[in-house]
């Protein structure tokens, strides 16, 4: 398990004392990356019905209520804790809007005993296909999207998740290790492997061969 970065210790100590201002600072500091996470993991069937900003607003209120539990919880960096609260809120929002049918276990991944929306091959493919900008690429986008989604779906689910955390949520390797409950070295190895596999996939997909190197730039 990755340790809490020393630079987070002051903020963590304030949160443990129930400092609401510390929570406000934490949320403001990471709002953009949390918004990106919600947008990326939001069930596409809810597009247009649920705004990521609304999810974040609800998550902030939930974090305020749960702040009292921060001190008694498992050791975690402030960001990792807040991210978990946001993920839990997003699951609640999904289930409210879609009811019982939303609980599709096949689309959730268990991390540290908690199941949250998986970074599916569809989500990854949509983000990657969004990089196609030329007229010829746009014309073939739907066909390419299906091909990329099928190819990414063949990857190990945990490798997909590492790729999503590093490349799309832009977490550091240490944050990925903490979120997944694995050693930093293991997280790094998995990321390198996932990027290598992704490059192989994109190199065989029309419209992506020229930009393959960008897939692993982070």
C-alpha atoms as a PDB file:
ATOM      1  CA  UNK A   1       0.000   0.000   0.000  1.00  0.00           C
ATOM      2  CA  UNK A   2       1.311   3.411  -0.944  1.00  0.00           C
ATOM      3  CA  UNK A   3       1.939   5.805   1.920  1.00  0.00           C
ATOM      4  CA  UNK A   4       0.321   9.208   2.269  1.00  0.00           C
ATOM      5  CA  UNK A   5       2.580  11.861   0.688  1.00  0.00           C
ATOM      6  CA  UNK A   6       4.252  14.060   3.293  1.00  0.00           C
ATOM      7  CA  UNK A   7       3.017  17.227   1.589  1.00  0.00           C
ATOM      8  CA  UNK A   8      -0.540  16.112   2.377  1.00  0.00           C
ATOM      9  CA  UNK A   9       0.102  15.630   6.086  1.00  0.00           C
ATOM     10  CA  UNK A  10      -0.891  19.144   7.183  1.00  0.00           C
ATOM     11  CA  UNK A  11      -4.143  19.062   5.236  1.00  0.00           C
ATOM     12  CA  UNK A  12      -4.835  15.540   6.475  1.00  0.00           C
ATOM     13  CA  UNK A  13      -4.320  16.599  10.072  1.00  0.00           C
ATOM     14  CA  UNK A  14      -6.727  19.489   9.627  1.00  0.00           C
ATOM     15  CA  UNK A  15      -9.324  17.191   8.095  1.00  0.00           C
ATOM     16  CA  UNK A  16      -8.954  14.812  11.023  1.00  0.00           C
ATOM     17  CA  UNK A  17      -9.775  17.712  13.320  1.00  0.00           C
ATOM     18  CA  UNK A  18     -12.959  18.309  11.348  1.00  0.00           C
ATOM     19  CA  UNK A  19     -11.709  21.515   9.714  1.00  0.00           C
ATOM     20  CA  UNK A  20     -14.393  22.447   7.168  1.00  0.00           C
ATOM     21  CA  UNK A  21     -12.131  25.072   5.619  1.00  0.00           C
ATOM     22  CA  UNK A  22      -9.546  22.378   4.907  1.00  0.00           C
ATOM     23  CA  UNK A  23     -12.213  20.385   3.092  1.00  0.00           C
ATOM     24  CA  UNK A  24     -13.174  23.445   1.032  1.00  0.00           C
ATOM     25  CA  UNK A  25      -9.518  23.950   0.093  1.00  0.00           C
ATOM     26  CA  UNK A  26      -9.126  20.287  -0.818  1.00  0.00           C
ATOM     27  CA  UNK A  27     -12.235  20.298  -2.977  1.00  0.00           C
ATOM     28  CA  UNK A  28     -11.239  23.517  -4.753  1.00  0.00           C
ATOM     29  CA  UNK A  29      -7.732  22.213  -5.395  1.00  0.00           C
ATOM     30  CA  UNK A  30      -8.954  19.017  -7.041  1.00  0.00           C
ATOM     31  CA  UNK A  31     -12.286  20.088  -8.527  1.00  0.00           C
ATOM     32  CA  UNK A  32     -11.093  19.988 -12.134  1.00  0.00           C
ATOM     33  CA  UNK A  33      -9.670  16.477 -11.941  1.00  0.00           C
ATOM     34  CA  UNK A  34     -12.732  15.251 -10.026  1.00  0.00           C
ATOM     35  CA  UNK A  35     -14.983  16.754 -12.712  1.00  0.00           C
ATOM     36  CA  UNK A  36     -12.936  14.956 -15.338  1.00  0.00           C
ATOM     37  CA  UNK A  37     -13.326  11.682 -13.432  1.00  0.00           C
ATOM     38  CA  UNK A  38     -17.111  12.031 -13.138  1.00  0.00           C
ATOM     39  CA  UNK A  39     -17.466  12.974 -16.795  1.00  0.00           C
ATOM     40  CA  UNK A  40     -15.309  10.030 -17.850  1.00  0.00           C
ATOM     41  CA  UNK A  41     -17.081   7.423 -15.692  1.00  0.00           C
ATOM     42  CA  UNK A  42     -20.641   8.673 -16.076  1.00  0.00           C
ATOM     43  CA  UNK A  43     -22.929   6.093 -17.628  1.00  0.00           C
ATOM     44  CA  UNK A  44     -23.449   7.266 -21.217  1.00  0.00           C
ATOM     45  CA  UNK A  45     -27.170   6.500 -20.986  1.00  0.00           C
ATOM     46  CA  UNK A  46     -27.438   9.341 -18.487  1.00  0.00           C
ATOM     47  CA  UNK A  47     -25.813  11.895 -20.782  1.00  0.00           C
ATOM     48  CA  UNK A  48     -27.929  15.051 -20.887  1.00  0.00           C
ATOM     49  CA  UNK A  49     -29.802  14.054 -17.742  1.00  0.00           C
ATOM     50  CA  UNK A  50     -27.053  14.303 -15.145  1.00  0.00           C
ATOM     51  CA  UNK A  51     -24.510  17.127 -15.050  1.00  0.00           C
ATOM     52  CA  UNK A  52     -21.062  16.383 -13.563  1.00  0.00           C
ATOM     53  CA  UNK A  53     -21.243  19.685 -11.694  1.00  0.00           C
ATOM     54  CA  UNK A  54     -24.395  18.521  -9.926  1.00  0.00           C
ATOM     55  CA  UNK A  55     -22.650  15.292  -8.923  1.00  0.00           C
ATOM     56  CA  UNK A  56     -19.736  17.279  -7.505  1.00  0.00           C
ATOM     57  CA  UNK A  57     -22.054  19.571  -5.569  1.00  0.00           C
ATOM     58  CA  UNK A  58     -23.805  16.583  -4.016  1.00  0.00           C
ATOM     59  CA  UNK A  59     -20.439  14.934  -3.328  1.00  0.00           C
ATOM     60  CA  UNK A  60     -19.166  18.012  -1.508  1.00  0.00           C
ATOM     61  CA  UNK A  61     -22.191  18.011   0.783  1.00  0.00           C
ATOM     62  CA  UNK A  62     -21.647  14.294   1.391  1.00  0.00           C
ATOM     63  CA  UNK A  63     -17.989  14.951   2.225  1.00  0.00           C
ATOM     64  CA  UNK A  64     -19.029  17.570   4.773  1.00  0.00           C
ATOM     65  CA  UNK A  65     -21.259  14.997   6.464  1.00  0.00           C
ATOM     66  CA  UNK A  66     -18.535  12.332   6.387  1.00  0.00           C
ATOM     67  CA  UNK A  67     -15.718  14.549   7.556  1.00  0.00           C
ATOM     68  CA  UNK A  68     -16.250  13.359  11.113  1.00  0.00           C
ATOM     69  CA  UNK A  69     -15.406   9.829   9.959  1.00  0.00           C
ATOM     70  CA  UNK A  70     -12.144  10.771   8.247  1.00  0.00           C
ATOM     71  CA  UNK A  71     -10.050  10.422  11.409  1.00  0.00           C
ATOM     72  CA  UNK A  72     -11.372   6.944  12.209  1.00  0.00           C
ATOM     73  CA  UNK A  73     -11.104   5.608   8.664  1.00  0.00           C
ATOM     74  CA  UNK A  74      -8.236   3.710   7.042  1.00  0.00           C
ATOM     75  CA  UNK A  75      -5.124   5.832   6.359  1.00  0.00           C
ATOM     76  CA  UNK A  76      -5.601   7.654   3.089  1.00  0.00           C
ATOM     77  CA  UNK A  77      -4.374  10.787   1.435  1.00  0.00           C
ATOM     78  CA  UNK A  78      -6.938  13.620   1.439  1.00  0.00           C
ATOM     79  CA  UNK A  79      -7.354  13.359  -2.331  1.00  0.00           C
ATOM     80  CA  UNK A  80      -7.880   9.583  -2.297  1.00  0.00           C
ATOM     81  CA  UNK A  81     -10.518   9.967   0.417  1.00  0.00           C
ATOM     82  CA  UNK A  82     -12.332  12.757  -1.419  1.00  0.00           C
ATOM     83  CA  UNK A  83     -12.197  10.846  -4.692  1.00  0.00           C
ATOM     84  CA  UNK A  84     -13.846   7.875  -2.981  1.00  0.00           C
ATOM     85  CA  UNK A  85     -16.635  10.103  -1.682  1.00  0.00           C
ATOM     86  CA  UNK A  86     -17.214  11.438  -5.194  1.00  0.00           C
ATOM     87  CA  UNK A  87     -17.296   7.912  -6.634  1.00  0.00           C
ATOM     88  CA  UNK A  88     -19.770   6.768  -4.005  1.00  0.00           C
ATOM     89  CA  UNK A  89     -21.946   9.777  -4.753  1.00  0.00           C
ATOM     90  CA  UNK A  90     -21.839   9.011  -8.465  1.00  0.00           C
ATOM     91  CA  UNK A  91     -22.955   5.425  -7.825  1.00  0.00           C
ATOM     92  CA  UNK A  92     -25.862   6.754  -5.745  1.00  0.00           C
ATOM     93  CA  UNK A  93     -26.819   9.166  -8.537  1.00  0.00           C
ATOM     94  CA  UNK A  94     -26.665   6.388 -11.125  1.00  0.00           C
ATOM     95  CA  UNK A  95     -28.898   4.135  -9.065  1.00  0.00           C
ATOM     96  CA  UNK A  96     -31.422   6.869  -8.366  1.00  0.00           C
ATOM     97  CA  UNK A  97     -31.783   7.614 -12.068  1.00  0.00           C
ATOM     98  CA  UNK A  98     -31.751   4.050 -13.339  1.00  0.00           C
ATOM     99  CA  UNK A  99     -33.131   2.098 -10.417  1.00  0.00           C
ATOM    100  CA  UNK A 100     -32.413  -1.573  -9.923  1.00  0.00           C
ATOM    101  CA  UNK A 101     -31.186  -2.055 -13.489  1.00  0.00           C
ATOM    102  CA  UNK A 102     -28.187   0.152 -12.720  1.00  0.00           C
ATOM    103  CA  UNK A 103     -26.680  -2.477 -10.465  1.00  0.00           C
ATOM    104  CA  UNK A 104     -24.877  -4.344 -13.201  1.00  0.00           C
ATOM    105  CA  UNK A 105     -21.991  -5.951 -11.297  1.00  0.00           C
ATOM    106  CA  UNK A 106     -20.211  -6.572 -14.565  1.00  0.00           C
ATOM    107  CA  UNK A 107     -19.719  -2.836 -14.923  1.00  0.00           C
ATOM    108  CA  UNK A 108     -18.314  -2.253 -11.474  1.00  0.00           C
ATOM    109  CA  UNK A 109     -14.841  -2.954 -10.171  1.00  0.00           C
ATOM    110  CA  UNK A 110     -14.047  -3.767  -6.540  1.00  0.00           C
ATOM    111  CA  UNK A 111     -11.209  -1.798  -4.974  1.00  0.00           C
ATOM    112  CA  UNK A 112     -10.440  -2.048  -1.261  1.00  0.00           C
ATOM    113  CA  UNK A 113     -13.814  -3.663  -0.642  1.00  0.00           C
ATOM    114  CA  UNK A 114     -15.812  -0.996  -2.465  1.00  0.00           C
ATOM    115  CA  UNK A 115     -17.395  -1.411  -5.901  1.00  0.00           C
ATOM    116  CA  UNK A 116     -17.466   1.607  -8.165  1.00  0.00           C
ATOM    117  CA  UNK A 117     -18.093   2.291 -11.872  1.00  0.00           C
ATOM    118  CA  UNK A 118     -15.423   0.580 -13.933  1.00  0.00           C
ATOM    119  CA  UNK A 119     -13.486   2.415 -16.624  1.00  0.00           C
ATOM    120  CA  UNK A 120     -15.140   0.357 -19.341  1.00  0.00           C
ATOM    121  CA  UNK A 121     -13.770  -0.259 -22.794  1.00  0.00           C
ATOM    122  CA  UNK A 122     -16.611   1.941 -24.051  1.00  0.00           C
ATOM    123  CA  UNK A 123     -15.464   4.887 -21.934  1.00  0.00           C
ATOM    124  CA  UNK A 124     -11.865   4.453 -23.016  1.00  0.00           C
ATOM    125  CA  UNK A 125     -12.821   4.084 -26.677  1.00  0.00           C
ATOM    126  CA  UNK A 126     -15.012   7.192 -26.589  1.00  0.00           C
ATOM    127  CA  UNK A 127     -12.179   9.274 -25.162  1.00  0.00           C
ATOM    128  CA  UNK A 128      -9.693   7.971 -27.692  1.00  0.00           C
ATOM    129  CA  UNK A 129     -12.044   8.346 -30.657  1.00  0.00           C
ATOM    130  CA  UNK A 130     -12.615  11.929 -29.553  1.00  0.00           C
ATOM    131  CA  UNK A 131      -9.026  12.615 -30.607  1.00  0.00           C
ATOM    132  CA  UNK A 132      -9.968  12.018 -34.248  1.00  0.00           C
ATOM    133  CA  UNK A 133     -10.407  15.451 -35.807  1.00  0.00           C
ATOM    134  CA  UNK A 134      -9.836  15.272 -39.579  1.00  0.00           C
ATOM    135  CA  UNK A 135     -12.876  14.974 -41.920  1.00  0.00           C
ATOM    136  CA  UNK A 136     -11.843  11.493 -43.006  1.00  0.00           C
ATOM    137  CA  UNK A 137     -11.401  10.416 -39.398  1.00  0.00           C
ATOM    138  CA  UNK A 138     -14.749  11.893 -38.375  1.00  0.00           C
ATOM    139  CA  UNK A 139     -16.496  10.037 -41.196  1.00  0.00           C
ATOM    140  CA  UNK A 140     -15.126   6.729 -39.966  1.00  0.00           C
ATOM    141  CA  UNK A 141     -15.508   7.550 -36.258  1.00  0.00           C
ATOM    142  CA  UNK A 142     -18.411   5.185 -35.540  1.00  0.00           C
ATOM    143  CA  UNK A 143     -16.715   2.234 -37.223  1.00  0.00           C
ATOM    144  CA  UNK A 144     -13.421   3.036 -35.534  1.00  0.00           C
ATOM    145  CA  UNK A 145     -15.101   3.447 -32.155  1.00  0.00           C
ATOM    146  CA  UNK A 146     -16.556  -0.043 -32.366  1.00  0.00           C
ATOM    147  CA  UNK A 147     -13.213  -1.519 -33.381  1.00  0.00           C
ATOM    148  CA  UNK A 148     -11.294   0.257 -30.613  1.00  0.00           C
ATOM    149  CA  UNK A 149     -13.879  -0.684 -27.986  1.00  0.00           C
ATOM    150  CA  UNK A 150     -13.708  -4.339 -28.970  1.00  0.00           C
ATOM    151  CA  UNK A 151      -9.906  -4.312 -28.926  1.00  0.00           C
ATOM    152  CA  UNK A 152      -9.644  -2.545 -25.570  1.00  0.00           C
ATOM    153  CA  UNK A 153     -12.194  -4.962 -24.176  1.00  0.00           C
ATOM    154  CA  UNK A 154      -9.649  -7.734 -24.723  1.00  0.00           C
ATOM    155  CA  UNK A 155      -7.264  -6.086 -22.260  1.00  0.00           C
ATOM    156  CA  UNK A 156      -7.049  -7.159 -18.625  1.00  0.00           C
ATOM    157  CA  UNK A 157      -9.747  -5.189 -16.685  1.00  0.00           C
ATOM    158  CA  UNK A 158      -7.205  -3.980 -14.126  1.00  0.00           C
ATOM    159  CA  UNK A 159      -4.906  -2.814 -16.915  1.00  0.00           C
ATOM    160  CA  UNK A 160      -7.837  -0.879 -18.373  1.00  0.00           C
ATOM    161  CA  UNK A 161      -8.389   0.679 -14.979  1.00  0.00           C
ATOM    162  CA  UNK A 162      -4.726   1.647 -14.544  1.00  0.00           C
ATOM    163  CA  UNK A 163      -4.740   3.161 -18.008  1.00  0.00           C
ATOM    164  CA  UNK A 164      -7.857   5.164 -17.190  1.00  0.00           C
ATOM    165  CA  UNK A 165      -6.479   6.400 -13.871  1.00  0.00           C
ATOM    166  CA  UNK A 166      -3.136   7.481 -15.314  1.00  0.00           C
ATOM    167  CA  UNK A 167      -4.062   8.626 -18.799  1.00  0.00           C
ATOM    168  CA  UNK A 168      -7.560  10.072 -18.424  1.00  0.00           C
ATOM    169  CA  UNK A 169      -7.914  10.951 -14.745  1.00  0.00           C
ATOM    170  CA  UNK A 170      -4.243  11.978 -14.738  1.00  0.00           C
ATOM    171  CA  UNK A 171      -3.442  10.464 -11.349  1.00  0.00           C
ATOM    172  CA  UNK A 172       0.196  10.070 -10.390  1.00  0.00           C
ATOM    173  CA  UNK A 173       1.650   6.596 -10.107  1.00  0.00           C
ATOM    174  CA  UNK A 174       1.596   6.922  -6.310  1.00  0.00           C
ATOM    175  CA  UNK A 175      -2.088   7.908  -6.363  1.00  0.00           C
ATOM    176  CA  UNK A 176      -2.922   4.969  -8.626  1.00  0.00           C
ATOM    177  CA  UNK A 177      -1.148   2.622  -6.227  1.00  0.00           C
ATOM    178  CA  UNK A 178      -3.076   4.027  -3.273  1.00  0.00           C
ATOM    179  CA  UNK A 179      -6.438   3.910  -5.063  1.00  0.00           C
ATOM    180  CA  UNK A 180      -5.935   0.302  -6.166  1.00  0.00           C
ATOM    181  CA  UNK A 181      -4.267  -0.824  -2.944  1.00  0.00           C
ATOM    182  CA  UNK A 182      -1.121  -2.066  -4.679  1.00  0.00           C
ATOM    183  CA  UNK A 183       2.559  -1.204  -4.504  1.00  0.00           C
ATOM    184  CA  UNK A 184       3.792   1.721  -6.646  1.00  0.00           C
ATOM    185  CA  UNK A 185       6.132  -0.612  -8.539  1.00  0.00           C
ATOM    186  CA  UNK A 186       3.235  -2.889  -9.443  1.00  0.00           C
ATOM    187  CA  UNK A 187       1.174   0.099 -10.565  1.00  0.00           C
ATOM    188  CA  UNK A 188       4.035   1.300 -12.746  1.00  0.00           C
ATOM    189  CA  UNK A 189       4.540  -2.099 -14.331  1.00  0.00           C
ATOM    190  CA  UNK A 190       0.862  -2.430 -15.100  1.00  0.00           C
ATOM    191  CA  UNK A 191       0.742   1.043 -16.644  1.00  0.00           C
ATOM    192  CA  UNK A 192       3.720   0.354 -18.903  1.00  0.00           C
ATOM    193  CA  UNK A 193       2.115  -2.901 -19.991  1.00  0.00           C
ATOM    194  CA  UNK A 194      -1.252  -1.243 -20.607  1.00  0.00           C
ATOM    195  CA  UNK A 195       0.291   1.562 -22.667  1.00  0.00           C
ATOM    196  CA  UNK A 196       2.247  -0.960 -24.742  1.00  0.00           C
ATOM    197  CA  UNK A 197      -0.946  -2.889 -25.446  1.00  0.00           C
ATOM    198  CA  UNK A 198      -2.860   0.310 -26.224  1.00  0.00           C
ATOM    199  CA  UNK A 199      -0.191   1.387 -28.710  1.00  0.00           C
ATOM    200  CA  UNK A 200      -0.482  -1.976 -30.435  1.00  0.00           C
ATOM    201  CA  UNK A 201      -4.245  -1.517 -30.669  1.00  0.00           C
ATOM    202  CA  UNK A 202      -4.081   2.032 -31.996  1.00  0.00           C
ATOM    203  CA  UNK A 203      -1.320   1.245 -34.489  1.00  0.00           C
ATOM    204  CA  UNK A 204      -3.690  -1.219 -36.145  1.00  0.00           C
ATOM    205  CA  UNK A 205      -6.617   1.216 -36.182  1.00  0.00           C
ATOM    206  CA  UNK A 206      -7.016   3.646 -39.136  1.00  0.00           C
ATOM    207  CA  UNK A 207      -6.784   7.255 -38.010  1.00  0.00           C
ATOM    208  CA  UNK A 208      -4.664   6.536 -34.942  1.00  0.00           C
ATOM    209  CA  UNK A 209      -1.348   5.367 -36.360  1.00  0.00           C
ATOM    210  CA  UNK A 210       0.108   8.892 -36.498  1.00  0.00           C
ATOM    211  CA  UNK A 211      -0.817   9.724 -32.929  1.00  0.00           C
ATOM    212  CA  UNK A 212      -0.008   6.443 -31.244  1.00  0.00           C
ATOM    213  CA  UNK A 213       2.847   7.911 -29.208  1.00  0.00           C
ATOM    214  CA  UNK A 214       0.429  10.368 -27.560  1.00  0.00           C
ATOM    215  CA  UNK A 215      -1.399   7.477 -25.922  1.00  0.00           C
ATOM    216  CA  UNK A 216       1.309   7.018 -23.333  1.00  0.00           C
ATOM    217  CA  UNK A 217       2.615  10.526 -22.954  1.00  0.00           C
ATOM    218  CA  UNK A 218       1.545  10.874 -19.318  1.00  0.00           C
END
